[in-house]
Amino acid sequence: MFKWFAPLLLRAGSRMESHSLPNRIQISAATHRHLQKRFRLERHGSVDIKGKGPMETYFLLGRADETIIG
């Protein structure tokens, strides 16, 4: 199973990186569910992952308890 699953993860990570913006951290919806209470997150949109289809993505903006300056 790992032989099949690992390439899918690598493709998803590569596609998310190529569809991100400079100096931004892009995460999947699954990661968003785990981090949403402790971090500020912003919806980025959908990224099409070959072999998987559309995948919702979010930007990680910072810790929820950090003050935004600027």
PDB file of N, CA and C in Angstrom:
ATOM      1  N   MET A   1       0.815  -1.189   0.000  1.00  0.00           N
ATOM      2  CA  MET A   1       0.000   0.000   0.000  1.00  0.00           C
ATOM      3  C   MET A   1       0.865   1.261   0.000  1.00  0.00           C
ATOM      4  N   PHE A   2       1.975   1.253   0.740  1.00  0.00           N
ATOM      5  CA  PHE A   2       2.826   2.429   0.802  1.00  0.00           C
ATOM      6  C   PHE A   2       3.360   2.811  -0.581  1.00  0.00           C
ATOM      7  N   LYS A   3       3.653   1.813  -1.410  1.00  0.00           N
ATOM      8  CA  LYS A   3       4.166   2.091  -2.759  1.00  0.00           C
ATOM      9  C   LYS A   3       3.169   2.909  -3.563  1.00  0.00           C
ATOM     10  N   TRP A   4       1.886   2.694  -3.328  1.00  0.00           N
ATOM     11  CA  TRP A   4       0.856   3.441  -4.058  1.00  0.00           C
ATOM     12  C   TRP A   4       0.586   4.790  -3.407  1.00  0.00           C
ATOM     13  N   PHE A   5       0.570   4.823  -2.098  1.00  0.00           N
ATOM     14  CA  PHE A   5       0.180   6.020  -1.360  1.00  0.00           C
ATOM     15  C   PHE A   5       1.261   7.101  -1.366  1.00  0.00           C
ATOM     16  N   ALA A   6       2.525   6.731  -1.245  1.00  0.00           N
ATOM     17  CA  ALA A   6       3.621   7.712  -1.181  1.00  0.00           C
ATOM     18  C   ALA A   6       3.665   8.613  -2.413  1.00  0.00           C
ATOM     19  N   PRO A   7       3.582   8.084  -3.647  1.00  0.00           N
ATOM     20  CA  PRO A   7       3.600   8.986  -4.805  1.00  0.00           C
ATOM     21  C   PRO A   7       2.433   9.962  -4.819  1.00  0.00           C
ATOM     22  N   LEU A   8       1.274   9.538  -4.332  1.00  0.00           N
ATOM     23  CA  LEU A   8       0.114  10.429  -4.272  1.00  0.00           C
ATOM     24  C   LEU A   8       0.390  11.592  -3.325  1.00  0.00           C
ATOM     25  N   LEU A   9       0.990  11.313  -2.171  1.00  0.00           N
ATOM     26  CA  LEU A   9       1.333  12.371  -1.223  1.00  0.00           C
ATOM     27  C   LEU A   9       2.369  13.322  -1.816  1.00  0.00           C
ATOM     28  N   LEU A  10       3.347  12.782  -2.510  1.00  0.00           N
ATOM     29  CA  LEU A  10       4.376  13.625  -3.121  1.00  0.00           C
ATOM     30  C   LEU A  10       3.778  14.515  -4.200  1.00  0.00           C
ATOM     31  N   ARG A  11       2.877  13.964  -5.015  1.00  0.00           N
ATOM     32  CA  ARG A  11       2.221  14.774  -6.045  1.00  0.00           C
ATOM     33  C   ARG A  11       1.390  15.877  -5.411  1.00  0.00           C
ATOM     34  N   ALA A  12       0.664  15.547  -4.344  1.00  0.00           N
ATOM     35  CA  ALA A  12      -0.177  16.549  -3.679  1.00  0.00           C
ATOM     36  C   ALA A  12       0.695  17.661  -3.109  1.00  0.00           C
ATOM     37  N   GLY A  13       1.772  17.315  -2.446  1.00  0.00           N
ATOM     38  CA  GLY A  13       2.666  18.322  -1.878  1.00  0.00           C
ATOM     39  C   GLY A  13       3.304  19.185  -2.954  1.00  0.00           C
ATOM     40  N   SER A  14       3.726  18.561  -4.029  1.00  0.00           N
ATOM     41  CA  SER A  14       4.339  19.300  -5.130  1.00  0.00           C
ATOM     42  C   SER A  14       3.340  20.246  -5.783  1.00  0.00           C
ATOM     43  N   ARG A  15       2.120  19.766  -6.000  1.00  0.00           N
ATOM     44  CA  ARG A  15       1.091  20.603  -6.624  1.00  0.00           C
ATOM     45  C   ARG A  15       0.700  21.756  -5.712  1.00  0.00           C
ATOM     46  N   MET A  16       0.582  21.492  -4.413  1.00  0.00           N
ATOM     47  CA  MET A  16       0.250  22.569  -3.475  1.00  0.00           C
ATOM     48  C   MET A  16       1.355  23.618  -3.473  1.00  0.00           C
ATOM     49  N   GLU A  17       2.615  23.183  -3.520  1.00  0.00           N
ATOM     50  CA  GLU A  17       3.730  24.132  -3.526  1.00  0.00           C
ATOM     51  C   GLU A  17       3.717  24.975  -4.800  1.00  0.00           C
ATOM     52  N   SER A  18       3.462  24.355  -5.938  1.00  0.00           N
ATOM     53  CA  SER A  18       3.485  25.093  -7.202  1.00  0.00           C
ATOM     54  C   SER A  18       2.293  26.041  -7.348  1.00  0.00           C
ATOM     55  N   HIS A  19       1.216  25.814  -6.593  1.00  0.00           N
ATOM     56  CA  HIS A  19       0.030  26.675  -6.657  1.00  0.00           C
ATOM     57  C   HIS A  19      -0.077  27.631  -5.471  1.00  0.00           C
ATOM     58  N   SER A  20       0.967  27.691  -4.678  1.00  0.00           N
ATOM     59  CA  SER A  20       0.970  28.581  -3.530  1.00  0.00           C
ATOM     60  C   SER A  20       1.496  29.948  -3.937  1.00  0.00           C
ATOM     61  N   LEU A  21       1.616  30.838  -2.974  1.00  0.00           N
ATOM     62  CA  LEU A  21       2.180  32.164  -3.189  1.00  0.00           C
ATOM     63  C   LEU A  21       3.518  32.244  -2.469  1.00  0.00           C
ATOM     64  N   PRO A  22       4.423  33.125  -2.923  1.00  0.00           N
ATOM     65  CA  PRO A  22       5.729  33.241  -2.268  1.00  0.00           C
ATOM     66  C   PRO A  22       5.591  33.555  -0.774  1.00  0.00           C
ATOM     67  N   ASN A  23       6.429  32.936   0.005  1.00  0.00           N
ATOM     68  CA  ASN A  23       6.502  33.162   1.459  1.00  0.00           C
ATOM     69  C   ASN A  23       5.208  32.837   2.192  1.00  0.00           C
ATOM     70  N   ARG A  24       4.420  31.941   1.654  1.00  0.00           N
ATOM     71  CA  ARG A  24       3.176  31.508   2.313  1.00  0.00           C
ATOM     72  C   ARG A  24       3.266  30.012   2.583  1.00  0.00           C
ATOM     73  N   ILE A  25       2.643  29.568   3.665  1.00  0.00           N
ATOM     74  CA  ILE A  25       2.567  28.150   3.992  1.00  0.00           C
ATOM     75  C   ILE A  25       1.153  27.693   3.671  1.00  0.00           C
ATOM     76  N   GLN A  26       1.037  26.774   2.719  1.00  0.00           N
ATOM     77  CA  GLN A  26      -0.265  26.272   2.289  1.00  0.00           C
ATOM     78  C   GLN A  26      -0.494  24.885   2.895  1.00  0.00           C
ATOM     79  N   ILE A  27      -1.676  24.662   3.429  1.00  0.00           N
ATOM     80  CA  ILE A  27      -1.989  23.387   4.068  1.00  0.00           C
ATOM     81  C   ILE A  27      -3.287  22.818   3.494  1.00  0.00           C
ATOM     82  N   SER A  28      -3.480  21.538   3.687  1.00  0.00           N
ATOM     83  CA  SER A  28      -4.685  20.859   3.219  1.00  0.00           C
ATOM     84  C   SER A  28      -5.847  21.068   4.190  1.00  0.00           C
ATOM     85  N   ALA A  29      -7.042  20.700   3.748  1.00  0.00           N
ATOM     86  CA  ALA A  29      -8.220  20.796   4.615  1.00  0.00           C
ATOM     87  C   ALA A  29      -8.092  19.873   5.821  1.00  0.00           C
ATOM     88  N   ALA A  30      -7.470  18.720   5.634  1.00  0.00           N
ATOM     89  CA  ALA A  30      -7.282  17.789   6.751  1.00  0.00           C
ATOM     90  C   ALA A  30      -6.384  18.409   7.821  1.00  0.00           C
ATOM     91  N   THR A  31      -5.313  19.071   7.391  1.00  0.00           N
ATOM     92  CA  THR A  31      -4.425  19.744   8.338  1.00  0.00           C
ATOM     93  C   THR A  31      -5.141  20.928   8.982  1.00  0.00           C
ATOM     94  N   HIS A  32      -5.942  21.630   8.196  1.00  0.00           N
ATOM     95  CA  HIS A  32      -6.734  22.758   8.707  1.00  0.00           C
ATOM     96  C   HIS A  32      -7.612  22.322   9.878  1.00  0.00           C
ATOM     97  N   ARG A  33      -8.257  21.171   9.746  1.00  0.00           N
ATOM     98  CA  ARG A  33      -9.131  20.674  10.816  1.00  0.00           C
ATOM     99  C   ARG A  33      -8.366  20.481  12.129  1.00  0.00           C
ATOM    100  N   HIS A  34      -7.104  20.083  12.041  1.00  0.00           N
ATOM    101  CA  HIS A  34      -6.299  19.851  13.246  1.00  0.00           C
ATOM    102  C   HIS A  34      -5.749  21.143  13.846  1.00  0.00           C
ATOM    103  N   LEU A  35      -5.546  22.160  13.010  1.00  0.00           N
ATOM    104  CA  LEU A  35      -4.887  23.383  13.472  1.00  0.00           C
ATOM    105  C   LEU A  35      -5.819  24.560  13.733  1.00  0.00           C
ATOM    106  N   GLN A  36      -7.073  24.472  13.319  1.00  0.00           N
ATOM    107  CA  GLN A  36      -7.952  25.645  13.304  1.00  0.00           C
ATOM    108  C   GLN A  36      -8.184  26.312  14.654  1.00  0.00           C
ATOM    109  N   LYS A  37      -8.043  25.597  15.741  1.00  0.00           N
ATOM    110  CA  LYS A  37      -8.267  26.208  17.054  1.00  0.00           C
ATOM    111  C   LYS A  37      -7.026  26.906  17.589  1.00  0.00           C
ATOM    112  N   ARG A  38      -5.845  26.535  17.096  1.00  0.00           N
ATOM    113  CA  ARG A  38      -4.598  27.091  17.628  1.00  0.00           C
ATOM    114  C   ARG A  38      -3.901  28.065  16.684  1.00  0.00           C
ATOM    115  N   PHE A  39      -4.362  28.129  15.429  1.00  0.00           N
ATOM    116  CA  PHE A  39      -3.693  28.975  14.441  1.00  0.00           C
ATOM    117  C   PHE A  39      -4.701  29.790  13.642  1.00  0.00           C
ATOM    118  N   ARG A  40      -4.239  30.934  13.131  1.00  0.00           N
ATOM    119  CA  ARG A  40      -5.054  31.731  12.213  1.00  0.00           C
ATOM    120  C   ARG A  40      -4.821  31.182  10.810  1.00  0.00           C
ATOM    121  N   LEU A  41      -5.903  30.869  10.130  1.00  0.00           N
ATOM    122  CA  LEU A  41      -5.841  30.264   8.806  1.00  0.00           C
ATOM    123  C   LEU A  41      -6.746  31.023   7.852  1.00  0.00           C
ATOM    124  N   GLU A  42      -6.366  31.053   6.590  1.00  0.00           N
ATOM    125  CA  GLU A  42      -7.141  31.753   5.569  1.00  0.00           C
ATOM    126  C   GLU A  42      -7.382  30.810   4.394  1.00  0.00           C
ATOM    127  N   ARG A  43      -8.627  30.705   3.949  1.00  0.00           N
ATOM    128  CA  ARG A  43      -8.950  29.833   2.818  1.00  0.00           C
ATOM    129  C   ARG A  43      -8.266  30.371   1.564  1.00  0.00           C
ATOM    130  N   HIS A  44      -7.588  29.485   0.854  1.00  0.00           N
ATOM    131  CA  HIS A  44      -6.908  29.862  -0.387  1.00  0.00           C
ATOM    132  C   HIS A  44      -7.707  29.420  -1.597  1.00  0.00           C
ATOM    133  N   GLY A  45      -8.350  28.290  -1.517  1.00  0.00           N
ATOM    134  CA  GLY A  45      -9.138  27.802  -2.647  1.00  0.00           C
ATOM    135  C   GLY A  45      -8.837  26.351  -2.941  1.00  0.00           C
ATOM    136  N   SER A  46      -9.202  25.950  -4.137  1.00  0.00           N
ATOM    137  CA  SER A  46      -9.083  24.564  -4.543  1.00  0.00           C
ATOM    138  C   SER A  46      -7.889  24.386  -5.480  1.00  0.00           C
ATOM    139  N   VAL A  47      -7.149  23.297  -5.262  1.00  0.00           N
ATOM    140  CA  VAL A  47      -6.018  22.933  -6.120  1.00  0.00           C
ATOM    141  C   VAL A  47      -6.340  21.565  -6.700  1.00  0.00           C
ATOM    142  N   ASP A  48      -6.184  21.412  -8.019  1.00  0.00           N
ATOM    143  CA  ASP A  48      -6.459  20.130  -8.672  1.00  0.00           C
ATOM    144  C   ASP A  48      -5.229  19.231  -8.561  1.00  0.00           C
ATOM    145  N   ILE A  49      -5.382  18.101  -7.886  1.00  0.00           N
ATOM    146  CA  ILE A  49      -4.293  17.146  -7.694  1.00  0.00           C
ATOM    147  C   ILE A  49      -4.514  15.965  -8.635  1.00  0.00           C
ATOM    148  N   LYS A  50      -3.549  15.724  -9.512  1.00  0.00           N
ATOM    149  CA  LYS A  50      -3.654  14.620 -10.470  1.00  0.00           C
ATOM    150  C   LYS A  50      -3.838  13.304  -9.725  1.00  0.00           C
ATOM    151  N   GLY A  51      -4.856  12.545 -10.111  1.00  0.00           N
ATOM    152  CA  GLY A  51      -5.133  11.269  -9.483  1.00  0.00           C
ATOM    153  C   GLY A  51      -5.979  11.368  -8.230  1.00  0.00           C
ATOM    154  N   LYS A  52      -6.237  12.579  -7.757  1.00  0.00           N
ATOM    155  CA  LYS A  52      -7.030  12.775  -6.540  1.00  0.00           C
ATOM    156  C   LYS A  52      -8.213  13.702  -6.779  1.00  0.00           C
ATOM    157  N   GLY A  53      -8.037  14.706  -7.629  1.00  0.00           N
ATOM    158  CA  GLY A  53      -9.094  15.665  -7.906  1.00  0.00           C
ATOM    159  C   GLY A  53      -8.889  16.949  -7.126  1.00  0.00           C
ATOM    160  N   PRO A  54      -9.924  17.788  -7.029  1.00  0.00           N
ATOM    161  CA  PRO A  54      -9.793  19.069  -6.333  1.00  0.00           C
ATOM    162  C   PRO A  54      -9.546  18.887  -4.839  1.00  0.00           C
ATOM    163  N   MET A  55      -8.686  19.732  -4.296  1.00  0.00           N
ATOM    164  CA  MET A  55      -8.334  19.660  -2.883  1.00  0.00           C
ATOM    165  C   MET A  55      -8.383  21.070  -2.303  1.00  0.00           C
ATOM    166  N   GLU A  56      -9.194  21.261  -1.247  1.00  0.00           N
ATOM    167  CA  GLU A  56      -9.284  22.564  -0.587  1.00  0.00           C
ATOM    168  C   GLU A  56      -7.976  22.864   0.135  1.00  0.00           C
ATOM    169  N   THR A  57      -7.520  24.099   0.025  1.00  0.00           N
ATOM    170  CA  THR A  57      -6.280  24.485   0.694  1.00  0.00           C
ATOM    171  C   THR A  57      -6.467  25.772   1.486  1.00  0.00           C
ATOM    172  N   TYR A  58      -5.595  25.958   2.450  1.00  0.00           N
ATOM    173  CA  TYR A  58      -5.629  27.115   3.340  1.00  0.00           C
ATOM    174  C   TYR A  58      -4.209  27.627   3.528  1.00  0.00           C
ATOM    175  N   PHE A  59      -4.080  28.916   3.867  1.00  0.00           N
ATOM    176  CA  PHE A  59      -2.789  29.487   4.233  1.00  0.00           C
ATOM    177  C   PHE A  59      -2.699  29.556   5.746  1.00  0.00           C
ATOM    178  N   LEU A  60      -1.549  29.204   6.268  1.00  0.00           N
ATOM    179  CA  LEU A  60      -1.257  29.329   7.684  1.00  0.00           C
ATOM    180  C   LEU A  60      -0.725  30.740   7.908  1.00  0.00           C
ATOM    181  N   LEU A  61      -1.420  31.530   8.720  1.00  0.00           N
ATOM    182  CA  LEU A  61      -1.055  32.934   8.934  1.00  0.00           C
ATOM    183  C   LEU A  61      -0.252  33.158  10.211  1.00  0.00           C
ATOM    184  N   GLY A  62      -0.444  32.315  11.191  1.00  0.00           N
ATOM    185  CA  GLY A  62       0.273  32.465  12.455  1.00  0.00           C
ATOM    186  C   GLY A  62      -0.505  31.840  13.587  1.00  0.00           C
ATOM    187  N   ARG A  63       0.054  31.943  14.768  1.00  0.00           N
ATOM    188  CA  ARG A  63      -0.610  31.403  15.956  1.00  0.00           C
ATOM    189  C   ARG A  63      -1.835  32.245  16.284  1.00  0.00           C
ATOM    190  N   ALA A  64      -2.842  31.625  16.821  1.00  0.00           N
ATOM    191  CA  ALA A  64      -4.085  32.321  17.164  1.00  0.00           C
ATOM    192  C   ALA A  64      -3.874  33.389  18.229  1.00  0.00           C
ATOM    193  N   ASP A  65      -2.887  33.207  19.082  1.00  0.00           N
ATOM    194  CA  ASP A  65      -2.663  34.152  20.181  1.00  0.00           C
ATOM    195  C   ASP A  65      -1.668  35.259  19.830  1.00  0.00           C
ATOM    196  N   GLU A  66      -1.180  35.316  18.589  1.00  0.00           N
ATOM    197  CA  GLU A  66      -0.248  36.370  18.168  1.00  0.00           C
ATOM    198  C   GLU A  66      -0.995  37.629  17.767  1.00  0.00           C
ATOM    199  N   THR A  67      -0.433  38.761  18.073  1.00  0.00           N
ATOM    200  CA  THR A  67      -0.987  40.049  17.689  1.00  0.00           C
ATOM    201  C   THR A  67      -0.503  40.390  16.277  1.00  0.00           C
ATOM    202  N   ILE A  68      -1.427  40.836  15.427  1.00  0.00           N
ATOM    203  CA  ILE A  68      -1.075  41.221  14.066  1.00  0.00           C
ATOM    204  C   ILE A  68      -0.687  42.689  14.058  1.00  0.00           C
ATOM    205  N   ILE A  69       0.507  42.972  13.536  1.00  0.00           N
ATOM    206  CA  ILE A  69       1.004  44.348  13.449  1.00  0.00           C
ATOM    207  C   ILE A  69       1.135  44.715  11.985  1.00  0.00           C
ATOM    208  N   GLY A  70       0.635  45.883  11.625  1.00  0.00           N
ATOM    209  CA  GLY A  70       0.833  46.359  10.265  1.00  0.00           C
ATOM    210  C   GLY A  70      -0.404  46.364   9.503  1.00  0.00           C
TER     211      GLY A  70
END
